[in-house]
Amino acid sequence: MNDQEEILLVQSRWNSKRFFLFYWFVIAFLGTGFAIGLGTSVLSPKYSISSTAAHPTIDEPWHPEDCTLCHSEQVEKWNETGHSVAAIKVNSTHVEIAGSRNVTQEQFDSSCGHCMATGWDNSTGSVTYWDYGVTCASCHVTPGETDLTAENCGQCHTGSNHPQYPDYNMSAHARSYDDLLASGHASDSCLHCMSGQGTYTEGLSLNDTFLTSVSCATCHDPHDATNELQLRKDDITELCGECHGTSSRHTTYEMFTDPKNKHNSLDCTDCHGYELHDSEASVNHTWVVTIDSCAQCHTDNVTRWAKIEEIQGDISTLLSEYETQLTNVTAKFNEANNTFGLTNPNVNESYILINEAKALVTFVQSDQSLGFHNPSLAEEKVKLALLKLDEAYEKAVNASNTKPGGLTPGFELISILTSLGLLGIVFLIRKKKQH
């Protein structure tokens, strides 16, 4: 091969490489452009997937299919809920309500549509709405923004047939966040239970301006019907225990589920949610226990209610005895501590016993049922606390019979004599060596 042929061969190879690089560059460029176009215009024709704003370009009316392309999982779960089938158009004249009965279109528009349709409006005198059923737009009033307040749910869950919202307004749940702020010791760690968003949102802060009190969505998941009544847990008592059993200050769950409780096979709502209304549509969302709650199982109402008062009276008596004893023991402990200090073993043990007694009683008091959730366990803990206080009192009294550091009377003299004896022996040994 001469020089000219070699040059032509090198040029041919370089041209091949350039063509190969150009080919792959074109593919990469076109592929990227196609992917971008697919992501913004084909998959989501109304708004950009990457938009951080609350879907600013979406137009009303908007429907679940507008959400499906980006929120397919949520829409798929919502399709299994009762909200999705609250109303279904059967034909030109009838609408199916909650899968159980048909009404005429006129009946639906006049009596049902304000709750069973989304975007319902009759302000112009002509009823219009976007969708049959309770769709995404019912809670996401503006796309990308969520309204899971009890007030929003209460637009429909109210009245004689659906009294959940009026009941809720009479409950402590409706005041939880306001009560927290008024308590004087609010912190971010409280928001898991005291804010409505706490059970389904992480990283909440008191600086967040959207926080509300415990609301419907705290317990019910709007998107998921896996559990009965769309509850966030399949065990009702465990769901209540998410807040009523999370620390030493909220011990209801531990108290109620303890084996000593004869009613621990029941759910919290069996008593606290007993229906007080004529309607069978819901449980009582005030969560107040009445004599009728017990009457479900115990027909002798008067006797059973008297039993409740008896149990709570017995625990109240024990707690009063505890408070009196605690005052006496604390006074004796302070006297011993001021004289000898915690370095004295008896004073230190008295201090430990007092705190153990306090922890036992705090557990009972934090349950807030005055022992009724578990009479046996409540009585056991308060009586054990009284025994610990008795022992703490004895330790404080015995402290006066010891010296600081735990030295018993006369021990210093014995120590001095022993030291002198040892020095004498050393002296004799050294003197003997000198001889």
Protein backbone atom coordinates (compact mmCIF):
# COMPACT_ATOMS: atom_id res chain seq x y z
CA MET A 1 0.00 0.00 0.00
CA ASN A 2 1.44 3.36 -1.08
CA ASP A 3 1.13 6.62 0.84
CA GLN A 4 -1.85 7.90 -1.16
CA GLU A 5 -3.84 4.69 -0.56
CA GLU A 6 -3.10 4.86 3.17
CA ILE A 7 -4.33 8.47 3.35
CA LEU A 8 -7.56 7.52 1.57
CA LEU A 9 -8.10 4.64 3.99
CA VAL A 10 -7.68 6.91 7.04
CA GLN A 11 -10.11 9.46 5.59
CA SER A 12 -12.65 6.72 4.91
CA ARG A 13 -12.48 5.50 8.49
CA TRP A 14 -12.89 9.05 9.86
CA ASN A 15 -15.87 9.67 7.62
CA SER A 16 -17.46 6.48 8.95
CA LYS A 17 -16.91 7.62 12.53
CA ARG A 18 -18.37 11.05 11.80
CA PHE A 19 -21.45 9.50 10.22
CA PHE A 20 -21.87 7.17 13.21
CA LEU A 21 -21.56 10.03 15.72
CA PHE A 22 -23.96 12.22 13.71
CA TYR A 23 -26.46 9.35 13.52
CA TRP A 24 -26.53 8.82 17.28
CA PHE A 25 -26.62 12.56 17.95
CA VAL A 26 -29.74 12.88 15.80
CA ILE A 27 -31.39 9.95 17.58
CA ALA A 28 -30.54 11.37 21.02
CA PHE A 29 -31.74 14.87 20.06
CA LEU A 30 -34.99 13.71 18.54
CA GLY A 31 -35.60 11.25 21.39
CA THR A 32 -35.12 13.92 24.02
CA GLY A 33 -37.38 16.33 22.18
CA PHE A 34 -40.03 13.65 21.76
CA ALA A 35 -39.87 12.73 25.44
CA ILE A 36 -40.25 16.36 26.47
CA GLY A 37 -43.14 16.85 24.10
CA LEU A 38 -44.74 13.63 25.24
CA GLY A 39 -44.40 14.62 28.88
CA THR A 40 -45.86 18.08 28.53
CA SER A 41 -48.31 18.02 25.66
CA VAL A 42 -49.34 14.45 24.95
CA LEU A 43 -49.57 12.97 28.45
CA SER A 44 -50.74 16.19 30.04
CA PRO A 45 -52.29 18.47 27.46
CA LYS A 46 -53.71 21.00 29.97
CA TYR A 47 -50.72 21.66 32.21
CA SER A 48 -47.07 20.81 32.59
CA ILE A 49 -46.18 17.84 34.77
CA SER A 50 -43.18 19.74 36.11
CA SER A 51 -45.24 22.75 37.13
CA THR A 52 -44.84 23.59 40.81
CA ALA A 53 -47.89 25.86 40.78
CA ALA A 54 -51.37 24.57 41.55
CA HIS A 55 -52.15 23.58 37.95
CA PRO A 56 -52.64 27.20 36.85
CA THR A 57 -53.73 26.46 33.29
CA ILE A 58 -56.45 23.87 33.91
CA ASP A 59 -59.90 25.07 32.95
CA GLU A 60 -63.26 24.40 34.57
CA PRO A 61 -65.09 22.14 34.52
CA TRP A 62 -62.47 19.50 35.23
CA HIS A 63 -63.04 15.80 35.85
CA PRO A 64 -61.24 12.73 37.33
CA GLU A 65 -59.91 11.80 33.90
CA ASP A 66 -58.00 15.10 33.95
CA CYS A 67 -56.21 13.87 37.07
CA THR A 68 -55.65 10.28 35.98
CA LEU A 69 -52.62 10.84 33.81
CA CYS A 70 -50.58 12.19 36.72
CA HIS A 71 -52.41 10.83 39.74
CA SER A 72 -53.46 7.43 38.47
CA GLU A 73 -52.92 5.64 41.80
CA GLN A 74 -55.09 8.07 43.73
CA VAL A 75 -57.84 8.02 41.11
CA GLU A 76 -57.77 4.23 40.96
CA LYS A 77 -58.20 4.00 44.74
CA TRP A 78 -60.89 6.68 44.73
CA ASN A 79 -62.82 4.63 42.18
CA GLU A 80 -63.28 1.97 44.89
CA THR A 81 -64.84 4.40 47.36
CA GLY A 82 -68.50 5.16 47.89
CA HIS A 83 -67.91 8.73 46.78
CA SER A 84 -67.15 7.64 43.22
CA VAL A 85 -70.54 5.90 42.90
CA ALA A 86 -72.57 8.33 45.01
CA ALA A 87 -74.57 9.03 41.87
CA ILE A 88 -74.52 7.36 38.45
CA LYS A 89 -76.45 8.47 35.40
CA VAL A 90 -78.67 5.52 34.41
CA ASN A 91 -80.38 7.01 31.39
CA SER A 92 -81.84 10.27 30.20
CA THR A 93 -84.53 10.25 32.89
CA HIS A 94 -83.08 8.51 35.97
CA VAL A 95 -80.07 8.61 38.28
CA GLU A 96 -78.89 5.83 40.61
CA ILE A 97 -78.14 6.97 44.17
CA ALA A 98 -75.47 5.15 46.22
CA GLY A 99 -76.03 1.98 44.21
CA SER A 100 -79.31 1.30 45.97
CA ARG A 101 -82.16 3.31 44.48
CA ASN A 102 -83.13 5.21 41.39
CA VAL A 103 -84.58 8.70 41.32
CA THR A 104 -85.80 10.81 38.48
CA GLN A 105 -83.56 13.45 37.05
CA GLU A 106 -85.87 16.09 38.48
CA GLN A 107 -85.68 14.57 41.97
CA PHE A 108 -81.92 14.35 41.74
CA ASP A 109 -81.55 17.98 40.70
CA SER A 110 -83.87 19.28 43.40
CA SER A 111 -82.99 17.06 46.39
CA CYS A 112 -79.81 15.06 45.81
CA GLY A 113 -77.49 16.91 43.49
CA HIS A 114 -76.04 19.36 46.02
CA CYS A 115 -74.27 16.40 47.72
CA MET A 116 -74.28 13.63 45.13
CA ALA A 117 -72.84 15.73 42.31
CA THR A 118 -69.64 17.73 41.97
CA GLY A 119 -69.67 21.38 40.95
CA TRP A 120 -73.38 21.63 41.74
CA ASP A 121 -74.74 25.13 41.31
CA ASN A 122 -78.24 26.56 41.16
CA SER A 123 -77.38 30.19 41.79
CA THR A 124 -78.72 31.14 38.36
CA GLY A 125 -81.97 29.27 38.86
CA SER A 126 -80.83 26.54 36.50
CA VAL A 127 -79.12 23.61 38.19
CA THR A 128 -75.72 22.72 36.72
CA TYR A 129 -72.90 20.45 37.84
CA TRP A 130 -69.72 18.96 36.46
CA ASP A 131 -69.97 15.31 37.43
CA TYR A 132 -72.23 12.73 38.97
CA GLY A 133 -70.70 11.48 42.21
CA VAL A 134 -68.25 13.06 44.65
CA THR A 135 -65.16 13.51 42.51
CA CYS A 136 -61.69 14.99 42.96
CA ALA A 137 -62.96 18.55 42.61
CA SER A 138 -65.09 18.18 45.75
CA CYS A 139 -61.98 18.26 47.98
CA HIS A 140 -59.46 19.72 45.54
CA VAL A 141 -61.59 22.78 44.90
CA THR A 142 -58.69 24.31 42.98
CA PRO A 143 -56.50 21.74 41.19
CA GLY A 144 -53.41 21.12 43.28
CA GLU A 145 -54.93 22.55 46.46
CA THR A 146 -56.66 20.38 49.02
CA ASP A 147 -59.54 21.13 51.37
CA LEU A 148 -59.84 18.27 53.87
CA THR A 149 -61.43 20.35 56.60
CA ALA A 150 -64.40 19.07 58.53
CA GLU A 151 -66.35 22.06 57.24
CA ASN A 152 -65.94 20.83 53.67
CA CYS A 153 -67.18 17.36 54.58
CA GLY A 154 -69.93 18.96 56.63
CA GLN A 155 -71.54 20.46 53.56
CA CYS A 156 -73.08 17.02 52.95
CA HIS A 157 -72.57 15.01 56.13
CA THR A 158 -75.11 16.97 58.09
CA GLY A 159 -78.83 16.89 58.87
CA SER A 160 -81.05 14.22 60.38
CA ASN A 161 -79.91 11.44 58.06
CA HIS A 162 -76.23 12.31 58.14
CA PRO A 163 -75.50 13.89 61.54
CA GLN A 164 -71.73 13.35 61.56
CA TYR A 165 -70.74 17.00 61.22
CA PRO A 166 -73.09 18.42 63.89
CA ASP A 167 -71.94 15.67 66.25
CA TYR A 168 -68.30 16.37 65.44
CA ASN A 169 -68.75 20.04 66.29
CA MET A 170 -69.75 19.05 69.82
CA SER A 171 -66.67 16.86 70.28
CA ALA A 172 -63.25 17.69 71.69
CA HIS A 173 -61.79 16.77 68.29
CA ALA A 174 -63.27 19.94 66.81
CA ARG A 175 -61.29 22.06 69.29
CA SER A 176 -58.03 20.10 69.42
CA TYR A 177 -55.75 22.56 67.63
CA ASP A 178 -57.22 25.63 69.33
CA ASP A 179 -56.90 23.89 72.70
CA LEU A 180 -53.25 23.08 71.94
CA LEU A 181 -52.41 26.69 71.12
CA ALA A 182 -54.20 27.87 74.25
CA SER A 183 -52.41 25.35 76.48
CA GLY A 184 -49.20 27.35 76.71
CA HIS A 185 -46.98 24.33 75.98
CA ALA A 186 -47.63 23.73 72.28
CA SER A 187 -44.77 22.23 70.28
CA ASP A 188 -44.24 20.60 66.89
CA SER A 189 -44.26 17.16 68.51
CA CYS A 190 -47.90 17.67 69.55
CA LEU A 191 -49.12 18.07 65.98
CA HIS A 192 -49.23 14.33 65.26
CA CYS A 193 -52.40 14.18 67.35
CA MET A 194 -53.61 17.71 67.91
CA SER A 195 -53.78 18.77 64.27
CA GLY A 196 -56.10 17.30 61.66
CA GLN A 197 -53.21 16.70 59.25
CA GLY A 198 -51.02 14.93 61.80
CA THR A 199 -51.88 11.33 60.94
CA TYR A 200 -51.23 11.66 57.21
CA THR A 201 -48.61 14.43 56.93
CA GLU A 202 -45.02 14.34 58.21
CA GLY A 203 -42.78 17.20 59.21
CA LEU A 204 -45.51 19.55 60.41
CA SER A 205 -44.59 22.75 62.22
CA LEU A 206 -46.51 25.25 64.31
CA ASN A 207 -45.41 27.78 61.69
CA ASP A 208 -47.62 26.05 59.09
CA THR A 209 -50.63 28.25 58.41
CA PHE A 210 -52.90 25.50 57.03
CA LEU A 211 -53.21 23.47 60.24
CA THR A 212 -56.67 22.61 61.56
CA SER A 213 -58.14 20.64 64.44
CA VAL A 214 -58.68 16.88 64.18
CA SER A 215 -61.10 16.44 61.29
CA CYS A 216 -62.85 13.73 59.26
CA ALA A 217 -59.78 13.02 57.11
CA THR A 218 -57.71 12.38 60.23
CA CYS A 219 -59.43 9.01 60.58
CA HIS A 220 -60.98 8.52 57.12
CA ASP A 221 -58.86 8.32 53.97
CA PRO A 222 -60.70 10.08 51.11
CA HIS A 223 -58.80 8.06 48.50
CA ASP A 224 -58.78 4.57 49.96
CA ALA A 225 -61.62 2.14 50.68
CA THR A 226 -59.38 -0.78 51.66
CA ASN A 227 -60.72 -0.64 55.21
CA GLU A 228 -64.33 -0.40 56.26
CA LEU A 229 -65.70 3.17 56.23
CA GLN A 230 -62.45 4.23 54.53
CA LEU A 231 -60.69 4.21 57.89
CA ARG A 232 -56.94 4.66 57.88
CA LYS A 233 -56.49 1.46 59.90
CA ASP A 234 -58.47 -1.77 59.79
CA ASP A 235 -58.51 -1.98 63.60
CA ILE A 236 -60.60 0.84 65.06
CA THR A 237 -59.02 0.63 68.50
CA GLU A 238 -55.54 0.81 66.99
CA LEU A 239 -56.64 3.84 64.98
CA CYS A 240 -57.78 5.60 68.15
CA GLY A 241 -54.55 4.47 69.80
CA GLU A 242 -52.54 6.46 67.26
CA CYS A 243 -53.24 9.43 69.53
CA HIS A 244 -54.82 8.03 72.67
CA GLY A 245 -51.83 5.85 73.46
CA THR A 246 -48.67 7.48 72.21
CA SER A 247 -46.92 8.47 75.45
CA SER A 248 -47.09 8.45 79.24
CA ARG A 249 -49.56 11.34 78.98
CA HIS A 250 -51.97 9.42 76.72
CA THR A 251 -52.41 5.92 78.08
CA THR A 252 -55.97 5.02 77.07
CA TYR A 253 -54.90 2.44 74.48
CA GLU A 254 -52.58 0.63 76.90
CA MET A 255 -55.17 0.73 79.65
CA PHE A 256 -58.01 -0.51 77.45
CA THR A 257 -56.13 -3.31 75.66
CA ASP A 258 -54.51 -4.69 78.83
CA PRO A 259 -55.59 -8.32 79.53
CA LYS A 260 -57.08 -7.26 82.86
CA ASN A 261 -59.79 -5.32 81.00
CA LYS A 262 -62.85 -7.54 80.53
CA HIS A 263 -64.06 -5.38 77.63
CA ASN A 264 -60.84 -5.40 75.62
CA SER A 265 -62.47 -7.44 72.83
CA LEU A 266 -64.65 -4.42 71.97
CA ASP A 267 -63.75 -1.47 69.77
CA CYS A 268 -63.61 2.04 71.18
CA THR A 269 -66.56 3.03 69.00
CA ASP A 270 -68.76 0.26 70.41
CA CYS A 271 -69.25 2.49 73.43
CA HIS A 272 -68.00 5.93 72.42
CA GLY A 273 -69.67 5.82 69.02
CA TYR A 274 -73.00 4.37 70.07
CA GLU A 275 -75.77 5.82 67.91
CA LEU A 276 -77.86 8.44 69.66
CA HIS A 277 -79.95 9.38 66.63
CA ASP A 278 -82.91 7.91 64.83
CA SER A 279 -80.81 7.44 61.72
CA GLU A 280 -78.74 4.29 61.25
CA ALA A 281 -76.43 6.07 58.84
CA SER A 282 -73.58 6.76 61.23
CA VAL A 283 -72.09 6.29 64.64
CA ASN A 284 -72.17 9.07 67.20
CA HIS A 285 -69.27 11.41 66.43
CA THR A 286 -69.49 13.29 69.72
CA TRP A 287 -67.83 10.18 71.26
CA VAL A 288 -69.74 10.75 74.51
CA VAL A 289 -70.65 7.62 76.46
CA THR A 290 -74.19 7.49 77.80
CA ILE A 291 -76.23 4.92 79.66
CA ASP A 292 -77.58 3.75 76.30
CA SER A 293 -74.07 2.73 75.30
CA CYS A 294 -74.01 0.18 78.13
CA ALA A 295 -77.59 -0.89 77.43
CA GLN A 296 -76.47 -2.51 74.18
CA CYS A 297 -75.22 -5.42 76.28
CA HIS A 298 -76.36 -4.72 79.83
CA THR A 299 -80.13 -4.44 80.00
CA ASP A 300 -80.29 -3.33 83.63
CA ASN A 301 -79.34 0.26 82.83
CA VAL A 302 -79.74 1.74 86.30
CA THR A 303 -77.61 -0.92 87.93
CA ARG A 304 -74.94 -0.71 85.25
CA TRP A 305 -74.70 3.07 85.39
CA ALA A 306 -74.46 2.85 89.16
CA LYS A 307 -71.60 0.40 88.63
CA ILE A 308 -69.76 2.96 86.52
CA GLU A 309 -70.15 5.57 89.25
CA GLU A 310 -69.03 3.04 91.86
CA ILE A 311 -65.86 2.16 89.94
CA GLN A 312 -64.96 5.79 89.32
CA GLY A 313 -65.79 6.65 92.93
CA ASP A 314 -63.45 3.95 94.24
CA ILE A 315 -60.58 5.15 92.04
CA SER A 316 -61.26 8.77 93.00
CA THR A 317 -61.02 7.81 96.69
CA LEU A 318 -57.71 6.04 96.11
CA LEU A 319 -56.36 9.02 94.16
CA SER A 320 -57.36 11.41 96.96
CA GLU A 321 -55.58 9.17 99.45
CA TYR A 322 -52.55 9.20 97.17
CA GLU A 323 -52.49 13.02 96.99
CA THR A 324 -52.65 13.31 100.78
CA GLN A 325 -49.92 10.74 101.26
CA LEU A 326 -47.77 12.34 98.55
CA THR A 327 -47.92 15.68 100.38
CA ASN A 328 -46.79 14.09 103.66
CA VAL A 329 -44.02 12.03 102.06
CA THR A 330 -42.74 14.98 100.02
CA ALA A 331 -42.48 17.10 103.16
CA LYS A 332 -40.50 14.40 104.99
CA PHE A 333 -38.30 13.81 101.93
CA ASN A 334 -37.53 17.54 101.59
CA GLU A 335 -36.57 17.67 105.26
CA ALA A 336 -34.19 14.73 104.88
CA ASN A 337 -32.81 16.00 101.58
CA ASN A 338 -32.09 19.47 102.99
CA THR A 339 -30.21 17.89 105.91
CA PHE A 340 -28.33 15.03 104.28
CA GLY A 341 -28.65 15.39 100.49
CA LEU A 342 -29.15 12.73 97.83
CA THR A 343 -25.72 11.25 98.57
CA ASN A 344 -27.39 9.66 101.57
CA PRO A 345 -28.61 6.21 100.41
CA ASN A 346 -31.93 6.43 102.25
CA VAL A 347 -32.68 9.90 100.85
CA ASN A 348 -31.79 8.77 97.35
CA GLU A 349 -33.98 5.66 97.60
CA SER A 350 -36.84 7.78 98.95
CA TYR A 351 -36.50 10.07 95.92
CA ILE A 352 -36.61 7.12 93.50
CA LEU A 353 -39.65 5.59 95.19
CA ILE A 354 -41.58 8.88 95.08
CA ASN A 355 -40.98 9.21 91.33
CA GLU A 356 -42.01 5.59 90.74
CA ALA A 357 -45.26 6.26 92.60
CA LYS A 358 -45.89 9.39 90.53
CA ALA A 359 -45.35 7.46 87.28
CA LEU A 360 -47.89 4.80 88.32
CA VAL A 361 -50.56 7.37 89.13
CA THR A 362 -49.81 9.46 86.03
CA PHE A 363 -50.49 6.36 83.93
CA VAL A 364 -53.93 5.98 85.54
CA GLN A 365 -54.81 9.68 85.38
CA SER A 366 -53.68 10.02 81.75
CA ASP A 367 -56.26 7.42 80.74
CA GLN A 368 -58.91 9.98 81.77
CA SER A 369 -61.63 7.43 82.49
CA LEU A 370 -61.08 7.39 86.27
CA GLY A 371 -60.34 3.71 86.00
CA PHE A 372 -63.41 2.67 84.05
CA HIS A 373 -61.45 1.49 80.99
CA ASN A 374 -59.71 -1.04 83.22
CA PRO A 375 -60.82 -0.99 86.89
CA SER A 376 -58.50 -3.82 87.99
CA LEU A 377 -55.36 -2.33 86.48
CA ALA A 378 -56.18 1.18 87.71
CA GLU A 379 -56.72 -0.03 91.28
CA GLU A 380 -53.57 -2.16 91.17
CA LYS A 381 -51.39 0.74 90.03
CA VAL A 382 -52.72 3.30 92.54
CA LYS A 383 -52.41 0.85 95.45
CA LEU A 384 -48.85 0.02 94.39
CA ALA A 385 -48.12 3.76 94.30
CA LEU A 386 -49.40 4.06 97.90
CA LEU A 387 -47.10 1.25 99.00
CA LYS A 388 -44.14 2.96 97.36
CA LEU A 389 -44.98 6.21 99.14
CA ASP A 390 -45.10 4.36 102.48
CA GLU A 391 -41.67 2.92 101.79
CA ALA A 392 -40.38 6.32 100.63
CA TYR A 393 -41.56 7.85 103.93
CA GLU A 394 -39.71 5.20 105.95
CA LYS A 395 -36.52 5.78 103.94
CA ALA A 396 -36.74 9.51 104.59
CA VAL A 397 -37.20 8.89 108.33
CA ASN A 398 -34.29 6.43 108.41
CA ALA A 399 -32.02 9.01 106.80
CA SER A 400 -31.68 10.73 110.20
CA ASN A 401 -30.07 7.56 111.56
CA THR A 402 -27.25 7.70 109.05
CA LYS A 403 -24.56 10.19 108.21
CA PRO A 404 -23.94 11.81 104.84
CA GLY A 405 -22.31 9.32 102.51
CA GLY A 406 -24.05 6.40 104.22
CA LEU A 407 -21.74 6.10 107.28
CA THR A 408 -23.48 4.66 110.33
CA PRO A 409 -23.01 6.19 113.85
CA GLY A 410 -19.60 5.32 115.30
CA PHE A 411 -18.18 4.31 111.95
CA GLU A 412 -15.81 7.29 111.92
CA LEU A 413 -14.33 6.25 115.32
CA ILE A 414 -13.83 2.69 114.13
CA SER A 415 -12.13 3.97 111.01
CA ILE A 416 -9.79 6.20 113.04
CA LEU A 417 -8.85 3.39 115.43
CA THR A 418 -8.23 1.04 112.55
CA SER A 419 -5.99 3.59 110.84
CA LEU A 420 -4.02 4.17 114.05
CA GLY A 421 -3.59 0.42 114.47
CA LEU A 422 -2.20 0.08 110.97
CA LEU A 423 0.19 2.97 111.52
CA GLY A 424 1.36 1.34 114.75
CA ILE A 425 2.09 -1.94 112.98
CA VAL A 426 4.06 -0.14 110.26
CA PHE A 427 6.04 1.74 112.93
CA LEU A 428 6.93 -1.48 114.77
CA ILE A 429 8.05 -3.21 111.57
CA ARG A 430 10.34 -0.35 110.59
CA LYS A 431 11.81 -0.15 114.10
CA LYS A 432 12.54 -3.88 114.07
CA LYS A 433 14.38 -3.55 110.76
CA GLN A 434 16.54 -0.81 112.19
CA HIS A 435 17.72 -3.20 114.92
